[in-house]
Amino acid sequence: MEFVRNKCGSSLDILIKNAGRNHFSPVLDIDLDEAKKIYDINVWSPLMLIQKFAPHVISAKGSITNVTSISGYVNVPYMDMLVRLYATSKRSLEILSETLCLELQPSGVHVLSIVTGAVQTNGQTYFEDWKLPQDFYTVLLRILFINELAVVIVFLE
């Protein structure tokens, strides 16, 4: 936190949170400690960052962007029950974004929630294993790469 404050001073124009953790297990079988880790990364860490940096974003009348997931809206049969706890955490982040939008609008802060489909990152390598239908991935009919997502975020900011 101190590093960012030293670099940005008292204002912060853009706060982007794009982290995620998943675990492949049916919800009824998942270890509670693993479930807590999923929520720590996907929900509580973004909330903590927003709380810590909100005064700086407010002073800049900046924007807050949360990257969520389409899985938070749709239970997809191809993924079965193995990613549904991830989906609940991403839906929680979506609700948090909607709430922040209402709370911060009077301060002039723009809150954006980017709902992605499948995005290829260094953190996962399982798309090939799923053998999903081609039209499942995105409107692009393929998996989105992280640098392409970054371009979208910059454009929307």
C-alpha atoms as a PDB file:
ATOM      1  CA  MET A   1       0.000   0.000   0.000  1.00  0.00           C
ATOM      2  CA  GLU A   2       2.791   2.373   0.918  1.00  0.00           C
ATOM      3  CA  PHE A   3       4.504   1.766  -2.435  1.00  0.00           C
ATOM      4  CA  VAL A   4       1.393   2.855  -4.347  1.00  0.00           C
ATOM      5  CA  ARG A   5       0.887   5.875  -2.097  1.00  0.00           C
ATOM      6  CA  ASN A   6       4.499   6.940  -2.654  1.00  0.00           C
ATOM      7  CA  LYS A   7       4.100   6.616  -6.438  1.00  0.00           C
ATOM      8  CA  CYS A   8       0.658   8.225  -6.731  1.00  0.00           C
ATOM      9  CA  GLY A   9       0.581  10.760  -3.931  1.00  0.00           C
ATOM     10  CA  SER A  10      -2.799  11.663  -2.504  1.00  0.00           C
ATOM     11  CA  SER A  11      -4.861  10.791  -5.584  1.00  0.00           C
ATOM     12  CA  LEU A  12      -5.324   7.655  -7.610  1.00  0.00           C
ATOM     13  CA  ASP A  13      -7.041   7.881 -11.003  1.00  0.00           C
ATOM     14  CA  ILE A  14      -7.659   4.186 -11.633  1.00  0.00           C
ATOM     15  CA  LEU A  15      -7.871   1.160  -9.337  1.00  0.00           C
ATOM     16  CA  ILE A  16      -8.134  -2.140 -11.235  1.00  0.00           C
ATOM     17  CA  LYS A  17      -8.560  -5.481  -9.529  1.00  0.00           C
ATOM     18  CA  ASN A  18      -8.037  -8.536 -11.684  1.00  0.00           C
ATOM     19  CA  ALA A  19      -7.215 -11.510  -9.517  1.00  0.00           C
ATOM     20  CA  GLY A  20      -8.875 -14.855  -9.258  1.00  0.00           C
ATOM     21  CA  ARG A  21      -8.528 -18.205  -7.601  1.00  0.00           C
ATOM     22  CA  ASN A  22     -10.333 -21.374  -8.528  1.00  0.00           C
ATOM     23  CA  HIS A  23     -10.391 -24.914  -7.221  1.00  0.00           C
ATOM     24  CA  PHE A  24     -11.875 -27.868  -9.046  1.00  0.00           C
ATOM     25  CA  SER A  25     -14.110 -29.690  -6.640  1.00  0.00           C
ATOM     26  CA  PRO A  26     -17.822 -30.182  -6.150  1.00  0.00           C
ATOM     27  CA  VAL A  27     -19.102 -27.625  -3.637  1.00  0.00           C
ATOM     28  CA  LEU A  28     -20.199 -30.332  -1.200  1.00  0.00           C
ATOM     29  CA  ASP A  29     -16.713 -31.874  -1.225  1.00  0.00           C
ATOM     30  CA  ILE A  30     -14.529 -28.764  -1.111  1.00  0.00           C
ATOM     31  CA  ASP A  31     -12.282 -28.296   1.873  1.00  0.00           C
ATOM     32  CA  LEU A  32     -13.496 -25.284   3.869  1.00  0.00           C
ATOM     33  CA  ASP A  33      -9.973 -23.824   4.048  1.00  0.00           C
ATOM     34  CA  GLU A  34      -9.758 -23.932   0.240  1.00  0.00           C
ATOM     35  CA  ALA A  35     -13.196 -22.326  -0.037  1.00  0.00           C
ATOM     36  CA  LYS A  36     -12.025 -19.526   2.262  1.00  0.00           C
ATOM     37  CA  LYS A  37      -8.933 -18.997   0.091  1.00  0.00           C
ATOM     38  CA  ILE A  38     -11.159 -18.606  -2.975  1.00  0.00           C
ATOM     39  CA  TYR A  39     -13.220 -15.942  -1.220  1.00  0.00           C
ATOM     40  CA  ASP A  40     -10.123 -14.272   0.242  1.00  0.00           C
ATOM     41  CA  ILE A  41      -8.683 -13.728  -3.244  1.00  0.00           C
ATOM     42  CA  ASN A  42     -11.894 -13.177  -5.214  1.00  0.00           C
ATOM     43  CA  VAL A  43     -13.965 -11.098  -2.757  1.00  0.00           C
ATOM     44  CA  TRP A  44     -12.213  -9.975   0.424  1.00  0.00           C
ATOM     45  CA  SER A  45      -8.949  -8.804  -1.192  1.00  0.00           C
ATOM     46  CA  PRO A  46     -10.748  -6.533  -3.686  1.00  0.00           C
ATOM     47  CA  LEU A  47     -12.891  -5.134  -0.861  1.00  0.00           C
ATOM     48  CA  MET A  48      -9.795  -4.461   1.254  1.00  0.00           C
ATOM     49  CA  LEU A  49      -8.019  -2.705  -1.639  1.00  0.00           C
ATOM     50  CA  ILE A  50     -11.075  -0.580  -2.367  1.00  0.00           C
ATOM     51  CA  GLN A  51     -11.386   0.418   1.288  1.00  0.00           C
ATOM     52  CA  LYS A  52      -7.688   1.315   1.531  1.00  0.00           C
ATOM     53  CA  PHE A  53      -7.516   3.307  -1.699  1.00  0.00           C
ATOM     54  CA  ALA A  54     -11.045   4.780  -1.872  1.00  0.00           C
ATOM     55  CA  PRO A  55     -10.009   8.142  -0.361  1.00  0.00           C
ATOM     56  CA  HIS A  56      -7.351   8.524  -3.069  1.00  0.00           C
ATOM     57  CA  VAL A  57      -9.729   7.512  -5.883  1.00  0.00           C
ATOM     58  CA  ILE A  58     -12.404   9.863  -4.519  1.00  0.00           C
ATOM     59  CA  SER A  59      -9.990  12.804  -4.397  1.00  0.00           C
ATOM     60  CA  ALA A  60      -9.123  12.173  -8.063  1.00  0.00           C
ATOM     61  CA  LYS A  61     -12.760  11.528  -9.048  1.00  0.00           C
ATOM     62  CA  GLY A  62     -11.261   8.418 -10.596  1.00  0.00           C
ATOM     63  CA  SER A  63     -12.548   4.965 -11.366  1.00  0.00           C
ATOM     64  CA  ILE A  64     -12.610   1.522  -9.830  1.00  0.00           C
ATOM     65  CA  THR A  65     -12.695  -1.542 -12.074  1.00  0.00           C
ATOM     66  CA  ASN A  66     -13.434  -5.078 -10.926  1.00  0.00           C
ATOM     67  CA  VAL A  67     -12.911  -7.972 -13.321  1.00  0.00           C
ATOM     68  CA  THR A  68     -15.585 -10.590 -12.689  1.00  0.00           C
ATOM     69  CA  SER A  69     -16.784 -13.593 -14.670  1.00  0.00           C
ATOM     70  CA  ILE A  70     -19.746 -14.724 -16.711  1.00  0.00           C
ATOM     71  CA  SER A  71     -19.745 -17.807 -14.490  1.00  0.00           C
ATOM     72  CA  GLY A  72     -21.173 -15.545 -11.777  1.00  0.00           C
ATOM     73  CA  TYR A  73     -24.347 -15.248 -13.852  1.00  0.00           C
ATOM     74  CA  VAL A  74     -24.727 -18.601 -15.559  1.00  0.00           C
ATOM     75  CA  ASN A  75     -24.197 -22.143 -14.355  1.00  0.00           C
ATOM     76  CA  VAL A  76     -22.627 -23.629 -17.443  1.00  0.00           C
ATOM     77  CA  PRO A  77     -23.236 -27.355 -17.962  1.00  0.00           C
ATOM     78  CA  TYR A  78     -19.817 -27.865 -19.584  1.00  0.00           C
ATOM     79  CA  MET A  79     -18.065 -26.916 -16.366  1.00  0.00           C
ATOM     80  CA  ASP A  80     -20.280 -29.116 -14.247  1.00  0.00           C
ATOM     81  CA  MET A  81     -20.178 -28.435 -10.523  1.00  0.00           C
ATOM     82  CA  LEU A  82     -16.406 -28.096 -10.346  1.00  0.00           C
ATOM     83  CA  VAL A  83     -16.225 -24.312 -10.651  1.00  0.00           C
ATOM     84  CA  ARG A  84     -19.445 -23.266  -8.990  1.00  0.00           C
ATOM     85  CA  LEU A  85     -17.836 -22.012  -5.783  1.00  0.00           C
ATOM     86  CA  TYR A  86     -15.654 -19.800  -7.995  1.00  0.00           C
ATOM     87  CA  ALA A  87     -18.866 -18.636  -9.669  1.00  0.00           C
ATOM     88  CA  THR A  88     -20.429 -17.675  -6.330  1.00  0.00           C
ATOM     89  CA  SER A  89     -17.350 -15.643  -5.432  1.00  0.00           C
ATOM     90  CA  LYS A  90     -17.348 -13.803  -8.770  1.00  0.00           C
ATOM     91  CA  ARG A  91     -21.074 -13.063  -8.413  1.00  0.00           C
ATOM     92  CA  SER A  92     -20.325 -11.665  -4.954  1.00  0.00           C
ATOM     93  CA  LEU A  93     -17.739  -9.357  -6.520  1.00  0.00           C
ATOM     94  CA  GLU A  94     -20.335  -8.272  -9.086  1.00  0.00           C
ATOM     95  CA  ILE A  95     -22.805  -7.349  -6.318  1.00  0.00           C
ATOM     96  CA  LEU A  96     -20.009  -5.497  -4.505  1.00  0.00           C
ATOM     97  CA  SER A  97     -19.348  -3.512  -7.701  1.00  0.00           C
ATOM     98  CA  GLU A  98     -23.025  -2.622  -8.074  1.00  0.00           C
ATOM     99  CA  THR A  99     -23.182  -1.500  -4.438  1.00  0.00           C
ATOM    100  CA  LEU A 100     -20.035   0.607  -4.781  1.00  0.00           C
ATOM    101  CA  CYS A 101     -21.435   2.210  -7.913  1.00  0.00           C
ATOM    102  CA  LEU A 102     -24.390   3.488  -5.890  1.00  0.00           C
ATOM    103  CA  GLU A 103     -22.269   4.528  -2.898  1.00  0.00           C
ATOM    104  CA  LEU A 104     -19.534   6.317  -4.841  1.00  0.00           C
ATOM    105  CA  GLN A 105     -21.595   7.971  -7.576  1.00  0.00           C
ATOM    106  CA  PRO A 106     -22.184  11.129  -5.483  1.00  0.00           C
ATOM    107  CA  SER A 107     -18.383  11.434  -5.109  1.00  0.00           C
ATOM    108  CA  GLY A 108     -17.871  11.426  -8.872  1.00  0.00           C
ATOM    109  CA  VAL A 109     -16.193   8.012  -8.868  1.00  0.00           C
ATOM    110  CA  HIS A 110     -16.981   5.695 -11.778  1.00  0.00           C
ATOM    111  CA  VAL A 111     -17.273   1.997 -10.835  1.00  0.00           C
ATOM    112  CA  LEU A 112     -16.942  -0.476 -13.673  1.00  0.00           C
ATOM    113  CA  SER A 113     -17.432  -4.218 -13.605  1.00  0.00           C
ATOM    114  CA  ILE A 114     -16.010  -6.148 -16.528  1.00  0.00           C
ATOM    115  CA  VAL A 115     -17.662  -9.536 -16.943  1.00  0.00           C
ATOM    116  CA  THR A 116     -15.383 -11.811 -18.941  1.00  0.00           C
ATOM    117  CA  GLY A 117     -15.740 -15.195 -20.489  1.00  0.00           C
ATOM    118  CA  ALA A 118     -12.758 -17.495 -20.786  1.00  0.00           C
ATOM    119  CA  VAL A 119      -9.452 -15.606 -20.533  1.00  0.00           C
ATOM    120  CA  GLN A 120      -6.095 -17.347 -20.955  1.00  0.00           C
ATOM    121  CA  THR A 121      -3.684 -16.364 -18.166  1.00  0.00           C
ATOM    122  CA  ASN A 122      -0.543 -17.849 -16.673  1.00  0.00           C
ATOM    123  CA  GLY A 123      -2.629 -19.034 -13.728  1.00  0.00           C
ATOM    124  CA  GLN A 124      -4.578 -21.702 -15.588  1.00  0.00           C
ATOM    125  CA  THR A 125      -3.965 -24.252 -18.280  1.00  0.00           C
ATOM    126  CA  TYR A 126      -7.133 -26.300 -18.165  1.00  0.00           C
ATOM    127  CA  PHE A 127      -9.112 -25.024 -21.167  1.00  0.00           C
ATOM    128  CA  GLU A 128      -7.758 -27.770 -23.416  1.00  0.00           C
ATOM    129  CA  ASP A 129      -8.874 -30.407 -20.915  1.00  0.00           C
ATOM    130  CA  TRP A 130     -12.480 -29.200 -20.943  1.00  0.00           C
ATOM    131  CA  LYS A 131     -12.951 -29.571 -24.714  1.00  0.00           C
ATOM    132  CA  LEU A 132     -15.711 -26.973 -24.674  1.00  0.00           C
ATOM    133  CA  PRO A 133     -17.860 -26.157 -27.693  1.00  0.00           C
ATOM    134  CA  GLN A 134     -16.180 -23.507 -29.836  1.00  0.00           C
ATOM    135  CA  ASP A 135     -18.994 -20.986 -29.364  1.00  0.00           C
ATOM    136  CA  PHE A 136     -18.776 -21.285 -25.576  1.00  0.00           C
ATOM    137  CA  TYR A 137     -15.727 -19.108 -25.087  1.00  0.00           C
ATOM    138  CA  THR A 138     -16.691 -15.574 -26.111  1.00  0.00           C
ATOM    139  CA  VAL A 139     -18.350 -13.649 -28.878  1.00  0.00           C
ATOM    140  CA  LEU A 140     -14.905 -13.815 -30.482  1.00  0.00           C
ATOM    141  CA  LEU A 141     -15.409 -17.608 -30.742  1.00  0.00           C
ATOM    142  CA  ARG A 142     -12.109 -18.218 -29.003  1.00  0.00           C
ATOM    143  CA  ILE A 143     -10.411 -17.777 -25.653  1.00  0.00           C
ATOM    144  CA  LEU A 144      -9.479 -14.182 -24.914  1.00  0.00           C
ATOM    145  CA  PHE A 145      -5.842 -13.463 -24.048  1.00  0.00           C
ATOM    146  CA  ILE A 146      -4.973 -11.334 -21.026  1.00  0.00           C
ATOM    147  CA  ASN A 147      -3.356  -8.584 -23.130  1.00  0.00           C
ATOM    148  CA  GLU A 148      -6.613  -8.271 -25.103  1.00  0.00           C
ATOM    149  CA  LEU A 149      -8.542  -7.871 -21.859  1.00  0.00           C
ATOM    150  CA  ALA A 150      -6.086  -5.159 -20.785  1.00  0.00           C
ATOM    151  CA  VAL A 151      -6.805  -3.214 -23.990  1.00  0.00           C
ATOM    152  CA  VAL A 152     -10.547  -3.359 -23.256  1.00  0.00           C
ATOM    153  CA  ILE A 153     -10.024  -2.106 -19.700  1.00  0.00           C
ATOM    154  CA  VAL A 154      -7.845   0.800 -20.845  1.00  0.00           C
ATOM    155  CA  PHE A 155     -10.393   1.710 -23.531  1.00  0.00           C
ATOM    156  CA  LEU A 156     -13.268   1.735 -21.022  1.00  0.00           C
ATOM    157  CA  GLU A 157     -11.350   3.750 -18.457  1.00  0.00           C
END
